[in-house]
Amino acid sequence: MADVTLYHYGPQNGFHFTVSVLGWTEERARDFLSAQFAHSLHEMATPTA
């Protein structure tokens, strides 16, 4: 869980990349990363066969 959180919100995170490198607005980056974070949590919680 900590790895997923750091990936999305840590010091070298996707927010910095999407805003600084890609030039997205903070709102767009926040919405995108929130959706990606929720998806990651769902994937972690879903058992694989």
N, C-alpha and C. Protein backbone atom coordinates (compact mmCIF):
# COMPACT_ATOMS: atom_id res chain seq x y z
N MET A 1 0.82 -1.19 0.00
CA MET A 1 0.00 0.00 0.00
C MET A 1 0.87 1.26 0.00
N ALA A 2 1.91 1.26 0.79
CA ALA A 2 2.78 2.45 0.85
C ALA A 2 3.43 2.73 -0.50
N ASP A 3 3.80 1.68 -1.22
CA ASP A 3 4.41 1.87 -2.54
C ASP A 3 3.45 2.54 -3.51
N VAL A 4 2.19 2.14 -3.47
CA VAL A 4 1.18 2.73 -4.35
C VAL A 4 0.99 4.20 -3.99
N THR A 5 0.93 4.51 -2.71
CA THR A 5 0.76 5.89 -2.28
C THR A 5 1.94 6.75 -2.69
N LEU A 6 3.16 6.27 -2.49
CA LEU A 6 4.34 7.03 -2.89
C LEU A 6 4.41 7.23 -4.39
N TYR A 7 4.00 6.22 -5.14
CA TYR A 7 4.01 6.34 -6.60
C TYR A 7 3.13 7.49 -7.06
N HIS A 8 1.96 7.62 -6.45
CA HIS A 8 1.02 8.65 -6.88
C HIS A 8 1.25 10.00 -6.21
N TYR A 9 1.68 10.00 -4.95
CA TYR A 9 1.74 11.24 -4.19
C TYR A 9 3.08 11.55 -3.54
N GLY A 10 4.10 10.73 -3.78
CA GLY A 10 5.41 10.94 -3.18
C GLY A 10 6.16 12.12 -3.78
N PRO A 11 7.41 12.35 -3.34
CA PRO A 11 8.17 13.53 -3.76
C PRO A 11 8.49 13.56 -5.27
N GLN A 12 8.64 12.43 -5.90
CA GLN A 12 8.88 12.39 -7.35
C GLN A 12 7.66 11.75 -8.02
N ASN A 13 6.52 12.34 -7.78
CA ASN A 13 5.26 11.70 -8.13
C ASN A 13 4.70 12.10 -9.47
N GLY A 14 3.60 11.48 -9.81
CA GLY A 14 2.90 11.78 -11.04
C GLY A 14 2.34 13.19 -11.09
N PHE A 15 2.02 13.77 -9.92
CA PHE A 15 1.49 15.14 -9.90
C PHE A 15 2.54 16.11 -10.43
N HIS A 16 3.74 16.00 -9.94
CA HIS A 16 4.83 16.86 -10.41
C HIS A 16 5.04 16.68 -11.91
N PHE A 17 5.06 15.44 -12.37
CA PHE A 17 5.29 15.16 -13.79
C PHE A 17 4.17 15.73 -14.66
N THR A 18 2.91 15.48 -14.29
CA THR A 18 1.81 15.93 -15.14
C THR A 18 1.71 17.44 -15.19
N VAL A 19 1.99 18.12 -14.08
CA VAL A 19 1.89 19.59 -14.06
C VAL A 19 3.14 20.23 -14.66
N SER A 20 4.32 19.83 -14.18
CA SER A 20 5.56 20.49 -14.60
C SER A 20 6.04 20.08 -15.99
N VAL A 21 5.94 18.80 -16.29
CA VAL A 21 6.47 18.31 -17.56
C VAL A 21 5.42 18.35 -18.66
N LEU A 22 4.23 17.84 -18.37
CA LEU A 22 3.18 17.79 -19.40
C LEU A 22 2.41 19.10 -19.52
N GLY A 23 2.49 19.94 -18.49
CA GLY A 23 1.82 21.23 -18.54
C GLY A 23 0.33 21.18 -18.24
N TRP A 24 -0.12 20.10 -17.59
CA TRP A 24 -1.54 20.00 -17.23
C TRP A 24 -1.85 21.00 -16.13
N THR A 25 -3.13 21.37 -16.01
CA THR A 25 -3.56 22.19 -14.88
C THR A 25 -3.52 21.31 -13.63
N GLU A 26 -3.42 21.95 -12.47
CA GLU A 26 -3.41 21.19 -11.22
C GLU A 26 -4.70 20.40 -11.05
N GLU A 27 -5.81 20.98 -11.44
CA GLU A 27 -7.10 20.29 -11.31
C GLU A 27 -7.14 19.03 -12.17
N ARG A 28 -6.70 19.14 -13.42
CA ARG A 28 -6.68 17.98 -14.31
C ARG A 28 -5.76 16.89 -13.76
N ALA A 29 -4.58 17.28 -13.29
CA ALA A 29 -3.64 16.31 -12.73
C ALA A 29 -4.23 15.63 -11.50
N ARG A 30 -4.84 16.41 -10.62
CA ARG A 30 -5.44 15.88 -9.40
C ARG A 30 -6.55 14.88 -9.73
N ASP A 31 -7.42 15.24 -10.69
CA ASP A 31 -8.51 14.34 -11.08
C ASP A 31 -7.98 13.04 -11.67
N PHE A 32 -6.99 13.16 -12.56
CA PHE A 32 -6.41 11.99 -13.21
C PHE A 32 -5.74 11.08 -12.18
N LEU A 33 -4.92 11.66 -11.30
CA LEU A 33 -4.20 10.85 -10.32
C LEU A 33 -5.13 10.23 -9.29
N SER A 34 -6.19 10.94 -8.93
CA SER A 34 -7.18 10.37 -8.01
C SER A 34 -7.83 9.14 -8.62
N ALA A 35 -8.18 9.23 -9.89
CA ALA A 35 -8.79 8.08 -10.58
C ALA A 35 -7.80 6.93 -10.67
N GLN A 36 -6.54 7.22 -10.99
CA GLN A 36 -5.53 6.18 -11.09
C GLN A 36 -5.26 5.53 -9.73
N PHE A 37 -5.24 6.35 -8.67
CA PHE A 37 -5.02 5.84 -7.33
C PHE A 37 -6.16 4.91 -6.92
N ALA A 38 -7.40 5.33 -7.18
CA ALA A 38 -8.56 4.50 -6.86
C ALA A 38 -8.51 3.18 -7.62
N HIS A 39 -8.11 3.24 -8.88
CA HIS A 39 -8.00 2.03 -9.69
C HIS A 39 -6.92 1.10 -9.10
N SER A 40 -5.81 1.65 -8.69
CA SER A 40 -4.74 0.84 -8.09
C SER A 40 -5.21 0.16 -6.82
N LEU A 41 -5.94 0.90 -5.99
CA LEU A 41 -6.47 0.30 -4.75
C LEU A 41 -7.45 -0.82 -5.07
N HIS A 42 -8.29 -0.60 -6.07
CA HIS A 42 -9.25 -1.63 -6.47
C HIS A 42 -8.51 -2.88 -6.96
N GLU A 43 -7.48 -2.69 -7.75
CA GLU A 43 -6.70 -3.82 -8.26
C GLU A 43 -6.03 -4.59 -7.12
N MET A 44 -5.54 -3.87 -6.12
CA MET A 44 -4.89 -4.52 -4.98
C MET A 44 -5.90 -5.32 -4.16
N ALA A 45 -7.13 -4.83 -4.09
CA ALA A 45 -8.15 -5.47 -3.26
C ALA A 45 -8.84 -6.64 -3.97
N THR A 46 -8.70 -6.71 -5.28
CA THR A 46 -9.36 -7.76 -6.05
C THR A 46 -8.46 -8.98 -6.13
N PRO A 47 -8.95 -10.10 -5.60
CA PRO A 47 -8.12 -11.31 -5.66
C PRO A 47 -7.95 -11.80 -7.10
N THR A 48 -6.78 -12.31 -7.38
CA THR A 48 -6.52 -12.86 -8.71
C THR A 48 -6.68 -14.37 -8.66
N ALA A 49 -7.13 -14.92 -9.73
CA ALA A 49 -7.36 -16.37 -9.77
C ALA A 49 -6.12 -17.11 -10.17
